[in-house]
């Protein structure tokens, strides 16, 4: 649907139809050929019809040329897959096979095995055997086995099997997409925030990515030397003037900028956005003689330091951050970028994880304030209702304009409900509605002496969402926190009162996590009290189960989540590390270590 902005091919899924290799007078192999290959084709069709790369194209799936009954055919399949760039393999079978001879032995692929649940042939027996062999050889694989027995000739994929296949496929494609790409930090550490202290070893060993670093002065150099696409800049500026209205200026009159200064600031922040795009992914339309700059840094995600050296002197990056994170710009709908404010790389990577799983724009926010029912009533007289009441309060998510504009929930589905859509489903009408619900307010000169503009909107739609935080813990390594919940719709007058208790010019989202009555999810207060950092990354939808699967592939344990146990899907080898699911995760991740070490 759109050309990839990145260098390198998208990951390919390879399907391995394995079979009982015995022939002889019973012709066991011959009797299974059609069914085995049918399973492979069904799985391939399921993937291509339901999974997309981040540019909107259906995932590419290839199938081995023949069924795999013995080692020679396994080798032929491996050779084909290597040439085709296969990063992910799914082995399928309805029957017994010779496990060690037919399994995927490539240590670099992400592996799943689907064993057909039927009584006529022992597909489940092979599944158990080959998963044990994978574990024995230190090659973790996801086992997929249907709950109900199927008839031998049933070519359908049961719903529970579909769910596991798609969860495996989504997570594996996301993991493999990151490999070989870059995280670009523009600047360095912001105000001593731990999340912006970049750890190249973590990014290299766990994600297979490299770290690229550019000083913020590079943006000024490109501005002063006209190293940008003038035509794109003029188009972007005209669009901004037409669709990004200024909101009120909260600054005292004596420190407000003049209309002339504000006009210059608008040109500055738009040009800044164009240049950051070029830094991330290059631009062939830069002036002649700028061959180095044309190349970019092959960045799948980036962060901008901003505070304070930049923002004390120049307009802030809120406009670029919020609009790049959004699913459209002056060229219409396009794949969102990931640009973390304050160069919080750990939050930016969290945004990247969820963007790759959903193909939706992501929200960057402070996890700012817990509001109890009692505190809300004291401040406003309002009694909480719905998810906020069930959660024992809610959390205020707010930051100075870095959230994607999609977060205001003004895009609608076929029923008229506010949603955040995959970028390739965002219509012109959605874009117009999102822009009309957003103003751009002059930055608070107390915080941002150089000025700039912050997006301002209120998330009014009640939407399912997932908030996560990636943290690094000395002696332990990376861990992930997950909180599924909903955005909360409050009466306008209640929102106004609470919003004005913090910065009324910043985008505002009220979030109620799904609580369980125990531990870190006893109430919304406990979620806030157990959150591991000042920021959170927020995605549309309840995608915690996909994140758990993805993290197991990356060997990142999940330290806090409210995902139902029946949705948890990790490699079969995790079962050998104890009987408690979360303890298993920690021990297995430690034993296997980073994916790219």
Protein backbone atom coordinates (compact mmCIF):
# COMPACT_ATOMS: atom_id res chain seq x y z
CA UNK A 1 0.00 0.00 0.00
CA UNK A 2 2.88 2.38 0.68
CA UNK A 3 6.59 2.20 0.00
CA UNK A 4 8.59 1.22 3.04
CA UNK A 5 10.55 4.10 4.55
CA UNK A 6 13.20 1.68 5.78
CA UNK A 7 16.10 -0.18 4.17
CA UNK A 8 15.71 -3.94 4.28
CA UNK A 9 12.96 -6.36 3.37
CA UNK A 10 9.98 -7.08 5.57
CA UNK A 11 10.08 -10.46 7.34
CA UNK A 12 8.71 -13.50 5.54
CA UNK A 13 6.76 -16.33 7.17
CA UNK A 14 7.68 -19.82 5.97
CA UNK A 15 5.24 -22.73 6.37
CA UNK A 16 6.77 -26.19 6.86
CA UNK A 17 4.29 -29.04 6.16
CA UNK A 18 5.77 -32.05 7.95
CA UNK A 19 4.63 -35.61 7.33
CA UNK A 20 5.10 -39.22 8.28
CA UNK A 21 7.81 -40.29 5.85
CA UNK A 22 6.90 -44.00 5.74
CA UNK A 23 5.84 -45.38 2.39
CA UNK A 24 5.80 -49.16 1.75
CA UNK A 25 2.65 -51.12 0.96
CA UNK A 26 0.48 -48.96 3.27
CA UNK A 27 1.73 -45.76 1.62
CA UNK A 28 1.29 -43.83 4.86
CA UNK A 29 2.96 -40.77 3.42
CA UNK A 30 0.84 -40.79 0.29
CA UNK A 31 -2.36 -40.94 2.33
CA UNK A 32 -1.37 -37.80 4.23
CA UNK A 33 0.00 -35.58 1.47
CA UNK A 34 -3.22 -33.76 0.65
CA UNK A 35 -4.25 -33.13 4.24
CA UNK A 36 -0.79 -31.96 5.29
CA UNK A 37 -0.41 -29.54 2.40
CA UNK A 38 -3.98 -28.35 2.96
CA UNK A 39 -3.07 -27.39 6.53
CA UNK A 40 -0.11 -25.40 5.22
CA UNK A 41 -2.24 -23.56 2.67
CA UNK A 42 -4.92 -22.80 5.25
CA UNK A 43 -2.36 -21.33 7.64
CA UNK A 44 -0.79 -19.28 4.84
CA UNK A 45 -4.21 -17.93 3.85
CA UNK A 46 -5.01 -17.04 7.46
CA UNK A 47 -1.78 -15.03 7.73
CA UNK A 48 -2.07 -13.20 4.43
CA UNK A 49 -5.73 -12.28 4.99
CA UNK A 50 -5.26 -11.00 8.53
CA UNK A 51 -1.70 -9.76 9.04
CA UNK A 52 -0.12 -6.67 7.52
CA UNK A 53 3.29 -5.06 7.60
CA UNK A 54 3.57 -1.55 8.99
CA UNK A 55 3.29 -0.12 5.45
CA UNK A 56 -0.12 -1.76 5.03
CA UNK A 57 0.89 -4.63 2.73
CA UNK A 58 -0.23 -8.19 3.55
CA UNK A 59 2.52 -10.29 5.05
CA UNK A 60 4.44 -12.48 2.64
CA UNK A 61 4.09 -16.22 3.24
CA UNK A 62 5.83 -19.05 1.39
CA UNK A 63 5.37 -22.79 1.69
CA UNK A 64 8.00 -25.49 1.32
CA UNK A 65 8.05 -27.03 -2.15
CA UNK A 66 7.17 -30.45 -0.75
CA UNK A 67 6.02 -31.98 2.46
CA UNK A 68 8.90 -32.72 4.84
CA UNK A 69 9.25 -36.37 5.83
CA UNK A 70 12.99 -36.83 6.29
CA UNK A 71 16.12 -34.75 6.71
CA UNK A 72 16.79 -34.22 2.98
CA UNK A 73 13.46 -32.44 2.57
CA UNK A 74 14.07 -30.45 5.74
CA UNK A 75 17.39 -29.30 4.26
CA UNK A 76 15.76 -28.39 0.94
CA UNK A 77 13.15 -26.36 2.80
CA UNK A 78 15.83 -24.59 4.86
CA UNK A 79 17.72 -23.70 1.68
CA UNK A 80 14.60 -22.27 0.05
CA UNK A 81 13.69 -20.28 3.13
CA UNK A 82 17.19 -18.85 3.49
CA UNK A 83 17.11 -17.53 -0.08
CA UNK A 84 13.62 -16.08 0.47
CA UNK A 85 14.59 -14.25 3.67
CA UNK A 86 12.34 -16.25 5.99
CA UNK A 87 12.57 -15.05 9.60
CA UNK A 88 9.55 -16.91 10.99
CA UNK A 89 8.58 -20.55 10.53
CA UNK A 90 5.40 -22.41 11.27
CA UNK A 91 5.56 -26.19 11.14
CA UNK A 92 2.19 -27.88 10.56
CA UNK A 93 1.21 -31.53 10.66
CA UNK A 94 -1.80 -33.81 11.16
CA UNK A 95 0.28 -36.86 12.00
CA UNK A 96 3.33 -38.40 13.57
CA UNK A 97 6.65 -37.29 12.04
CA UNK A 98 10.31 -37.84 12.80
CA UNK A 99 10.85 -34.78 14.98
CA UNK A 100 14.60 -34.29 15.06
CA UNK A 101 14.79 -34.96 11.32
CA UNK A 102 11.98 -32.66 10.26
CA UNK A 103 12.21 -29.75 12.71
CA UNK A 104 13.47 -26.25 11.95
CA UNK A 105 17.07 -26.22 13.22
CA UNK A 106 17.88 -22.61 12.28
CA UNK A 107 18.71 -20.75 15.55
CA UNK A 108 17.83 -17.44 13.90
CA UNK A 109 14.17 -18.10 13.13
CA UNK A 110 11.13 -17.58 15.37
CA UNK A 111 9.35 -20.94 15.55
CA UNK A 112 5.81 -22.19 15.94
CA UNK A 113 4.38 -25.70 15.56
CA UNK A 114 0.71 -26.51 14.90
CA UNK A 115 -0.28 -30.11 15.56
CA UNK A 116 -3.73 -31.13 14.33
CA UNK A 117 -6.07 -32.43 17.03
CA UNK A 118 -7.55 -35.54 15.43
CA UNK A 119 -7.84 -39.11 16.60
CA UNK A 120 -7.11 -40.85 13.32
CA UNK A 121 -3.50 -39.67 13.24
CA UNK A 122 -1.26 -38.64 16.16
CA UNK A 123 -0.60 -35.00 15.26
CA UNK A 124 -0.64 -34.15 18.95
CA UNK A 125 1.94 -36.82 19.68
CA UNK A 126 4.31 -35.30 17.14
CA UNK A 127 3.63 -31.84 18.55
CA UNK A 128 4.59 -32.94 22.06
CA UNK A 129 7.63 -34.82 20.82
CA UNK A 130 9.03 -32.07 18.62
CA UNK A 131 8.43 -29.37 21.23
CA UNK A 132 10.42 -31.48 23.68
CA UNK A 133 13.18 -31.76 21.09
CA UNK A 134 13.16 -27.99 20.58
CA UNK A 135 13.51 -27.49 24.33
CA UNK A 136 16.30 -30.07 24.52
CA UNK A 137 18.23 -28.23 21.81
CA UNK A 138 17.66 -24.75 23.25
CA UNK A 139 15.40 -23.65 20.40
CA UNK A 140 12.16 -22.33 21.97
CA UNK A 141 9.03 -22.94 19.91
CA UNK A 142 5.36 -22.04 20.37
CA UNK A 143 3.05 -25.06 20.46
CA UNK A 144 -0.41 -24.70 18.91
CA UNK A 145 -3.02 -27.35 19.61
CA UNK A 146 -6.79 -27.07 19.27
CA UNK A 147 -9.08 -27.64 22.24
CA UNK A 148 -11.58 -29.87 20.45
CA UNK A 149 -11.04 -33.00 18.37
CA UNK A 150 -11.61 -32.46 14.66
CA UNK A 151 -12.70 -34.91 12.00
CA UNK A 152 -9.84 -36.23 9.93
CA UNK A 153 -11.01 -34.48 6.78
CA UNK A 154 -11.84 -31.14 8.44
CA UNK A 155 -9.89 -28.45 6.60
CA UNK A 156 -11.10 -25.58 8.77
CA UNK A 157 -9.00 -23.90 11.45
CA UNK A 158 -10.84 -23.79 14.81
CA UNK A 159 -11.27 -20.35 16.42
CA UNK A 160 -8.87 -21.08 19.29
CA UNK A 161 -6.20 -22.25 16.85
CA UNK A 162 -6.74 -19.16 14.69
CA UNK A 163 -6.26 -16.93 17.71
CA UNK A 164 -2.94 -18.55 18.61
CA UNK A 165 -1.70 -18.62 15.02
CA UNK A 166 -2.46 -14.92 14.55
CA UNK A 167 -0.99 -13.96 17.92
CA UNK A 168 2.19 -15.85 17.03
CA UNK A 169 2.28 -14.29 13.56
CA UNK A 170 1.65 -10.70 14.71
CA UNK A 171 4.26 -10.87 17.43
CA UNK A 172 6.85 -12.61 15.26
CA UNK A 173 6.44 -10.13 12.40
CA UNK A 174 6.82 -7.24 14.86
CA UNK A 175 9.99 -8.74 16.37
CA UNK A 176 11.55 -9.53 13.02
CA UNK A 177 10.69 -6.10 11.57
CA UNK A 178 12.87 -4.35 14.16
CA UNK A 179 15.98 -6.35 13.35
CA UNK A 180 18.61 -4.36 11.48
CA UNK A 181 16.89 -1.00 11.97
CA UNK A 182 17.98 1.97 14.08
CA UNK A 183 16.85 4.00 17.02
CA UNK A 184 17.89 7.61 16.38
CA UNK A 185 18.47 9.83 19.40
CA UNK A 186 18.49 13.51 18.53
CA UNK A 187 20.30 15.09 21.44
CA UNK A 188 20.92 13.15 24.61
CA UNK A 189 19.63 12.95 28.19
CA UNK A 190 16.68 15.17 29.04
CA UNK A 191 16.54 16.66 32.54
CA UNK A 192 18.15 13.58 34.07
CA UNK A 193 15.32 11.25 33.00
CA UNK A 194 16.51 7.64 33.34
CA UNK A 195 14.52 6.52 30.31
CA UNK A 196 16.55 8.84 28.08
CA UNK A 197 19.87 7.38 29.27
CA UNK A 198 20.34 5.18 26.26
CA UNK A 199 21.75 1.65 26.64
CA UNK A 200 23.11 0.49 23.27
CA UNK A 201 23.78 -3.04 24.53
CA UNK A 202 20.11 -3.57 25.38
CA UNK A 203 18.94 -2.29 22.01
CA UNK A 204 21.52 -4.32 20.11
CA UNK A 205 21.24 -7.60 22.02
CA UNK A 206 17.50 -7.75 22.70
CA UNK A 207 16.04 -6.02 19.65
CA UNK A 208 18.71 -6.52 17.00
CA UNK A 209 18.78 -2.77 16.36
CA UNK A 210 21.58 -0.21 16.37
CA UNK A 211 21.72 3.17 18.08
CA UNK A 212 22.33 6.26 15.98
CA UNK A 213 23.06 9.61 17.63
CA UNK A 214 22.79 13.11 16.18
CA UNK A 215 23.32 16.36 18.06
CA UNK A 216 20.36 18.76 18.04
CA UNK A 217 22.59 21.34 16.38
CA UNK A 218 22.27 19.31 13.17
CA UNK A 219 18.72 20.62 12.82
CA UNK A 220 20.00 24.21 13.01
CA UNK A 221 22.75 23.47 10.52
CA UNK A 222 20.28 22.12 8.02
CA UNK A 223 18.02 25.13 8.51
CA UNK A 224 20.85 27.64 8.05
CA UNK A 225 22.34 25.83 5.05
CA UNK A 226 18.93 25.13 3.44
CA UNK A 227 19.39 21.35 3.60
CA UNK A 228 15.74 20.43 3.40
CA UNK A 229 13.10 19.85 0.75
CA UNK A 230 11.83 23.36 0.04
CA UNK A 231 8.81 22.14 -1.91
CA UNK A 232 7.71 19.82 0.89
CA UNK A 233 8.30 22.54 3.49
CA UNK A 234 6.08 25.01 1.64
CA UNK A 235 3.35 22.39 1.21
CA UNK A 236 3.57 21.46 4.90
CA UNK A 237 3.48 25.12 5.99
CA UNK A 238 0.43 25.90 3.86
CA UNK A 239 -1.36 22.82 5.20
CA UNK A 240 -0.47 23.75 8.77
CA UNK A 241 -1.82 27.28 8.37
CA UNK A 242 -5.06 25.89 6.93
CA UNK A 243 -5.64 23.00 9.36
CA UNK A 244 -3.81 23.70 12.64
CA UNK A 245 -5.55 26.64 14.33
CA UNK A 246 -3.90 28.49 17.19
CA UNK A 247 -5.57 28.18 20.55
CA UNK A 248 -5.44 30.60 23.47
CA UNK A 249 -2.13 31.84 24.83
CA UNK A 250 -1.93 31.23 28.60
CA UNK A 251 1.25 33.27 29.05
CA UNK A 252 1.08 36.68 30.76
CA UNK A 253 0.82 39.47 28.19
CA UNK A 254 4.30 40.76 29.03
CA UNK A 255 5.98 37.48 27.97
CA UNK A 256 3.75 36.58 25.04
CA UNK A 257 5.40 36.61 21.66
CA UNK A 258 4.26 39.08 19.04
CA UNK A 259 2.19 37.93 16.03
CA UNK A 260 5.30 38.36 13.89
CA UNK A 261 7.39 36.20 16.23
CA UNK A 262 4.68 33.54 16.32
CA UNK A 263 4.58 33.47 12.52
CA UNK A 264 8.33 32.81 12.49
CA UNK A 265 7.91 30.10 15.11
CA UNK A 266 5.32 28.34 12.96
CA UNK A 267 7.73 28.22 10.03
CA UNK A 268 10.46 27.01 12.42
CA UNK A 269 8.50 24.08 13.89
CA UNK A 270 7.20 22.95 10.50
CA UNK A 271 10.70 23.03 9.04
CA UNK A 272 11.91 21.17 12.14
CA UNK A 273 9.42 18.41 11.46
CA UNK A 274 10.53 18.06 7.84
CA UNK A 275 14.18 17.84 8.90
CA UNK A 276 13.52 15.22 11.61
CA UNK A 277 11.80 13.04 9.00
CA UNK A 278 14.86 13.41 6.79
CA UNK A 279 17.17 12.51 9.66
CA UNK A 280 15.19 9.36 10.35
CA UNK A 281 14.70 7.97 6.87
CA UNK A 282 16.49 10.19 4.38
CA UNK A 283 15.08 12.15 1.46
CA UNK A 284 16.10 11.88 -2.19
CA UNK A 285 14.72 15.36 -2.86
CA UNK A 286 17.30 17.23 -0.83
CA UNK A 287 19.45 19.73 -2.76
CA UNK A 288 22.31 18.56 -4.95
CA UNK A 289 25.54 18.05 -3.06
CA UNK A 290 23.74 16.71 0.01
CA UNK A 291 24.32 13.04 -0.70
CA UNK A 292 25.18 12.23 2.94
CA UNK A 293 22.03 13.87 4.24
CA UNK A 294 19.88 12.15 1.62
CA UNK A 295 20.69 8.74 3.16
CA UNK A 296 19.18 9.21 6.63
CA UNK A 297 19.73 6.81 9.55
CA UNK A 298 17.29 3.99 8.72
CA UNK A 299 15.46 4.81 11.96
CA UNK A 300 12.34 2.82 12.80
CA UNK A 301 11.97 5.02 15.90
CA UNK A 302 13.56 8.17 17.26
CA UNK A 303 13.61 10.53 20.22
CA UNK A 304 14.21 14.27 20.64
CA UNK A 305 15.90 15.62 23.77
CA UNK A 306 14.51 19.13 23.78
CA UNK A 307 14.69 20.12 27.41
CA UNK A 308 16.40 22.09 28.45
CA UNK A 309 19.24 23.30 26.28
CA UNK A 310 17.05 23.41 23.18
CA UNK A 311 13.76 24.56 24.68
CA UNK A 312 15.36 27.35 26.72
CA UNK A 313 16.37 28.96 23.45
CA UNK A 314 14.37 27.56 20.50
CA UNK A 315 10.71 26.60 19.91
CA UNK A 316 9.97 23.17 21.34
CA UNK A 317 9.44 19.98 19.35
CA UNK A 318 5.82 19.35 20.39
CA UNK A 319 4.44 20.05 16.92
CA UNK A 320 6.86 17.64 15.23
CA UNK A 321 6.42 14.99 17.92
CA UNK A 322 2.63 14.97 17.94
CA UNK A 323 2.18 15.22 14.18
CA UNK A 324 4.85 12.68 13.27
CA UNK A 325 3.28 10.24 15.75
CA UNK A 326 -0.08 10.86 14.04
CA UNK A 327 -1.41 8.67 11.20
CA UNK A 328 -1.60 11.52 8.64
CA UNK A 329 -0.10 14.85 7.62
CA UNK A 330 -0.19 17.19 4.61
CA UNK A 331 0.10 14.18 2.28
CA UNK A 332 -2.93 12.47 3.81
CA UNK A 333 -2.95 9.16 5.64
CA UNK A 334 0.49 7.61 6.06
CA UNK A 335 2.29 5.21 8.36
CA UNK A 336 2.85 6.91 11.72
CA UNK A 337 6.38 7.59 12.86
CA UNK A 338 7.57 6.94 16.40
CA UNK A 339 9.19 10.03 17.92
CA UNK A 340 9.60 10.03 21.70
CA UNK A 341 9.55 13.32 23.55
CA UNK A 342 12.40 14.03 25.99
CA UNK A 343 14.30 11.28 24.14
CA UNK A 344 12.71 8.73 26.46
CA UNK A 345 14.02 5.81 24.44
CA UNK A 346 12.37 3.20 26.66
CA UNK A 347 8.96 4.77 26.13
CA UNK A 348 9.69 5.22 22.45
CA UNK A 349 10.51 1.52 22.12
CA UNK A 350 7.27 0.70 23.94
CA UNK A 351 5.43 2.82 21.36
CA UNK A 352 7.30 0.96 18.62
CA UNK A 353 6.29 -2.45 19.98
CA UNK A 354 2.61 -1.52 19.92
CA UNK A 355 2.74 0.31 16.61
CA UNK A 356 4.18 -2.80 14.95
CA UNK A 357 1.51 -5.00 16.56
CA UNK A 358 -1.42 -2.75 15.61
CA UNK A 359 -0.34 -0.44 12.74
CA UNK A 360 -1.96 2.38 14.72
CA UNK A 361 -0.64 5.69 15.98
CA UNK A 362 0.59 5.68 19.59
CA UNK A 363 0.16 7.96 22.59
CA UNK A 364 3.10 9.23 24.63
CA UNK A 365 2.06 10.61 28.01
CA UNK A 366 3.07 11.36 31.54
CA UNK A 367 1.41 9.03 34.02
CA UNK A 368 0.54 12.21 35.84
CA UNK A 369 -2.07 11.89 38.58
CA UNK A 370 -4.30 9.33 40.26
CA UNK A 371 -7.80 10.67 40.95
CA UNK A 372 -9.73 8.75 43.60
CA UNK A 373 -13.56 8.84 43.63
CA UNK A 374 -13.35 10.86 46.84
CA UNK A 375 -10.91 13.39 45.37
CA UNK A 376 -13.04 13.81 42.22
CA UNK A 377 -16.16 14.39 44.30
CA UNK A 378 -14.37 16.89 46.54
CA UNK A 379 -13.06 18.84 43.53
CA UNK A 380 -16.16 18.68 41.32
CA UNK A 381 -19.12 17.17 43.19
CA UNK A 382 -19.25 14.38 40.57
CA UNK A 383 -19.79 10.72 41.42
CA UNK A 384 -17.76 8.44 39.18
CA UNK A 385 -19.54 6.03 36.85
CA UNK A 386 -18.65 3.16 34.52
CA UNK A 387 -15.05 1.88 34.21
CA UNK A 388 -13.71 4.67 36.42
CA UNK A 389 -16.04 3.69 39.25
CA UNK A 390 -15.21 -0.01 38.79
CA UNK A 391 -11.48 0.79 38.93
CA UNK A 392 -11.75 2.88 42.10
CA UNK A 393 -10.70 6.02 40.24
CA UNK A 394 -8.65 6.85 37.16
CA UNK A 395 -5.25 8.10 36.02
CA UNK A 396 -4.61 11.37 34.23
CA UNK A 397 -2.45 10.89 31.12
CA UNK A 398 -1.05 14.19 29.90
CA UNK A 399 2.11 15.56 28.31
CA UNK A 400 3.09 18.72 26.48
CA UNK A 401 1.80 17.85 23.05
CA UNK A 402 3.67 14.65 22.19
CA UNK A 403 0.60 12.42 21.91
CA UNK A 404 -0.66 11.48 18.44
CA UNK A 405 -3.69 13.50 17.36
CA UNK A 406 -5.58 10.24 16.74
CA UNK A 407 -5.84 10.04 20.53
CA UNK A 408 -8.72 12.50 20.63
CA UNK A 409 -10.88 9.63 19.34
CA UNK A 410 -12.67 11.64 16.66
CA UNK A 411 -12.19 8.98 13.97
CA UNK A 412 -15.28 6.79 13.89
CA UNK A 413 -16.14 3.21 12.98
CA UNK A 414 -19.18 2.03 11.02
CA UNK A 415 -21.33 2.38 14.16
CA UNK A 416 -20.19 5.93 14.86
CA UNK A 417 -18.01 4.98 17.84
CA UNK A 418 -14.83 6.93 18.44
CA UNK A 419 -11.78 4.80 17.61
CA UNK A 420 -8.11 4.92 16.69
CA UNK A 421 -7.76 3.13 13.35
CA UNK A 422 -4.90 1.39 11.57
CA UNK A 423 -3.40 4.19 9.52
CA UNK A 424 -4.50 2.75 6.17
CA UNK A 425 -8.15 2.88 7.31
CA UNK A 426 -8.05 6.54 8.32
CA UNK A 427 -10.34 8.47 5.94
CA UNK A 428 -10.28 12.10 4.86
CA UNK A 429 -13.35 12.62 7.06
CA UNK A 430 -11.50 11.13 10.04
CA UNK A 431 -8.57 13.48 9.45
CA UNK A 432 -10.85 16.50 9.27
CA UNK A 433 -12.66 15.54 12.48
CA UNK A 434 -9.38 14.93 14.34
CA UNK A 435 -7.93 18.28 13.23
CA UNK A 436 -11.11 20.20 14.10
CA UNK A 437 -10.98 18.82 17.65
CA UNK A 438 -7.36 20.00 18.10
CA UNK A 439 -5.92 23.44 18.73
CA UNK A 440 -2.27 24.46 18.91
CA UNK A 441 -1.57 26.56 21.94
CA UNK A 442 1.47 28.67 22.59
CA UNK A 443 3.90 26.84 24.84
CA UNK A 444 4.13 27.80 28.49
CA UNK A 445 7.13 30.14 28.54
CA UNK A 446 7.83 29.18 32.14
CA UNK A 447 8.70 25.67 30.97
CA UNK A 448 9.63 26.39 27.36
CA UNK A 449 11.43 29.74 27.21
CA UNK A 450 11.93 29.39 23.48
CA UNK A 451 8.21 29.05 22.80
CA UNK A 452 6.63 26.68 20.33
CA UNK A 453 3.19 25.11 20.16
CA UNK A 454 1.52 22.26 22.01
CA UNK A 455 -1.40 20.27 20.66
CA UNK A 456 -4.50 20.56 22.83
CA UNK A 457 -7.42 18.13 22.80
CA UNK A 458 -9.56 16.05 25.11
CA UNK A 459 -10.02 12.31 24.57
CA UNK A 460 -13.80 12.16 24.73
CA UNK A 461 -14.40 8.73 23.22
CA UNK A 462 -14.49 5.72 25.54
CA UNK A 463 -12.02 3.36 23.91
CA UNK A 464 -10.27 0.13 24.92
CA UNK A 465 -6.58 0.77 25.33
CA UNK A 466 -3.37 -0.72 26.67
CA UNK A 467 -0.70 1.22 28.55
CA UNK A 468 2.82 -0.19 28.85
CA UNK A 469 6.22 0.76 30.17
CA UNK A 470 9.57 -0.78 29.33
CA UNK A 471 12.12 -0.43 32.15
CA UNK A 472 15.75 -1.42 32.67
CA UNK A 473 16.61 -2.75 36.13
CA UNK A 474 20.25 -3.16 37.14
CA UNK A 475 21.05 -6.81 37.81
CA UNK A 476 17.88 -7.94 36.07
CA UNK A 477 17.74 -6.30 32.64
CA UNK A 478 14.62 -5.19 30.76
CA UNK A 479 11.10 -5.75 32.08
CA UNK A 480 7.71 -4.72 30.74
CA UNK A 481 4.58 -3.51 32.52
CA UNK A 482 1.16 -3.85 30.91
CA UNK A 483 -2.15 -2.32 31.99
CA UNK A 484 -5.26 -2.86 29.87
CA UNK A 485 -8.18 -0.54 30.43
CA UNK A 486 -10.33 2.17 28.87
CA UNK A 487 -10.24 5.88 28.20
CA UNK A 488 -12.85 7.61 30.33
CA UNK A 489 -15.50 10.13 29.26
CA UNK A 490 -16.24 12.65 32.00
CA UNK A 491 -18.84 15.42 31.86
CA UNK A 492 -17.32 18.51 30.23
CA UNK A 493 -17.52 20.62 33.37
CA UNK A 494 -15.81 17.88 35.41
CA UNK A 495 -13.02 17.48 32.84
CA UNK A 496 -12.51 21.24 32.82
CA UNK A 497 -12.11 21.49 36.59
CA UNK A 498 -9.66 18.58 36.82
CA UNK A 499 -7.74 19.50 33.67
CA UNK A 500 -7.19 23.04 34.96
CA UNK A 501 -5.44 21.56 38.02
CA UNK A 502 -2.49 20.86 35.71
CA UNK A 503 -1.72 22.36 32.28
CA UNK A 504 -4.92 23.26 30.43
CA UNK A 505 -3.04 23.69 27.14
CA UNK A 506 -1.86 20.09 26.84
CA UNK A 507 -3.68 17.05 25.40
CA UNK A 508 -5.71 15.30 28.07
CA UNK A 509 -6.72 11.64 28.45
CA UNK A 510 -8.44 10.00 31.44
CA UNK A 511 -7.56 6.31 31.83
CA UNK A 512 -9.19 3.60 33.95
CA UNK A 513 -7.25 0.31 34.09
CA UNK A 514 -9.11 -2.98 34.32
CA UNK A 515 -8.73 -3.95 37.96
CA UNK A 516 -8.70 -7.40 39.52
CA UNK A 517 -9.04 -6.64 43.21
CA UNK A 518 -5.55 -7.88 44.07
CA UNK A 519 -1.90 -6.94 43.84
CA UNK A 520 -0.84 -4.17 41.47
CA UNK A 521 -4.33 -4.18 39.96
CA UNK A 522 -6.37 -3.98 43.13
CA UNK A 523 -7.45 -0.46 42.16
CA UNK A 524 -6.35 2.27 39.77
CA UNK A 525 -4.34 3.71 42.67
CA UNK A 526 -2.30 0.52 42.87
CA UNK A 527 -1.58 0.63 39.13
CA UNK A 528 -0.29 4.19 39.49
CA UNK A 529 1.61 3.30 42.66
CA UNK A 530 3.34 0.35 40.96
CA UNK A 531 4.13 2.08 37.67
CA UNK A 532 7.84 1.95 36.95
CA UNK A 533 8.52 5.37 35.43
CA UNK A 534 7.13 8.84 34.76
CA UNK A 535 5.95 8.02 31.23
CA UNK A 536 3.71 5.46 29.61
CA UNK A 537 3.07 4.36 26.01
CA UNK A 538 -0.59 3.86 25.18
CA UNK A 539 -2.18 2.01 22.25
CA UNK A 540 -5.74 1.50 21.12
CA UNK A 541 -7.20 -1.93 21.93
CA UNK A 542 -6.57 -4.63 24.49
CA UNK A 543 -3.32 -6.02 23.13
CA UNK A 544 -1.67 -7.22 26.33
CA UNK A 545 -1.73 -10.87 25.23
CA UNK A 546 0.10 -10.00 22.00
CA UNK A 547 2.67 -8.04 24.00
CA UNK A 548 3.28 -10.98 26.34
CA UNK A 549 3.88 -13.26 23.35
CA UNK A 550 6.15 -10.69 21.72
CA UNK A 551 8.17 -10.17 24.89
CA UNK A 552 8.75 -13.90 25.26
CA UNK A 553 10.26 -13.90 21.78
CA UNK A 554 12.55 -11.02 22.82
CA UNK A 555 13.37 -12.63 26.21
CA UNK A 556 11.92 -9.64 28.08
CA UNK A 557 9.97 -10.78 31.17
CA UNK A 558 6.65 -9.14 32.00
CA UNK A 559 6.66 -7.93 35.60
CA UNK A 560 3.09 -6.60 35.84
CA UNK A 561 -0.02 -7.25 33.75
CA UNK A 562 -3.78 -7.73 33.95
CA UNK A 563 -4.16 -10.09 30.98
CA UNK A 564 -6.42 -13.10 31.66
CA UNK A 565 -4.37 -16.24 32.22
CA UNK A 566 -6.08 -18.15 29.40
CA UNK A 567 -4.78 -15.55 26.91
CA UNK A 568 -1.12 -15.96 27.87
CA UNK A 569 0.83 -17.61 25.06
CA UNK A 570 4.56 -18.26 25.41
CA UNK A 571 6.96 -20.89 24.01
CA UNK A 572 6.28 -24.41 25.23
CA UNK A 573 9.70 -24.60 26.89
CA UNK A 574 8.55 -22.01 29.45
CA UNK A 575 6.52 -24.82 31.09
CA UNK A 576 9.76 -26.48 32.17
CA UNK A 577 10.70 -23.52 34.37
CA UNK A 578 8.17 -24.04 37.17
CA UNK A 579 4.42 -24.02 37.67
CA UNK A 580 3.84 -20.27 38.16
CA UNK A 581 3.39 -18.47 34.85
CA UNK A 582 5.23 -15.27 35.73
CA UNK A 583 8.07 -17.04 37.52
CA UNK A 584 8.44 -19.26 34.46
CA UNK A 585 8.81 -16.15 32.33
CA UNK A 586 11.63 -14.68 34.42
CA UNK A 587 13.57 -17.92 34.66
CA UNK A 588 13.19 -18.80 30.98
CA UNK A 589 14.20 -15.32 29.81
CA UNK A 590 17.27 -15.50 32.03
CA UNK A 591 18.20 -18.97 30.81
CA UNK A 592 17.83 -18.25 27.10
CA UNK A 593 19.19 -14.71 27.24
CA UNK A 594 18.85 -11.95 24.66
CA UNK A 595 17.78 -13.01 21.20
CA UNK A 596 20.79 -11.46 19.44
CA UNK A 597 23.57 -11.93 21.97
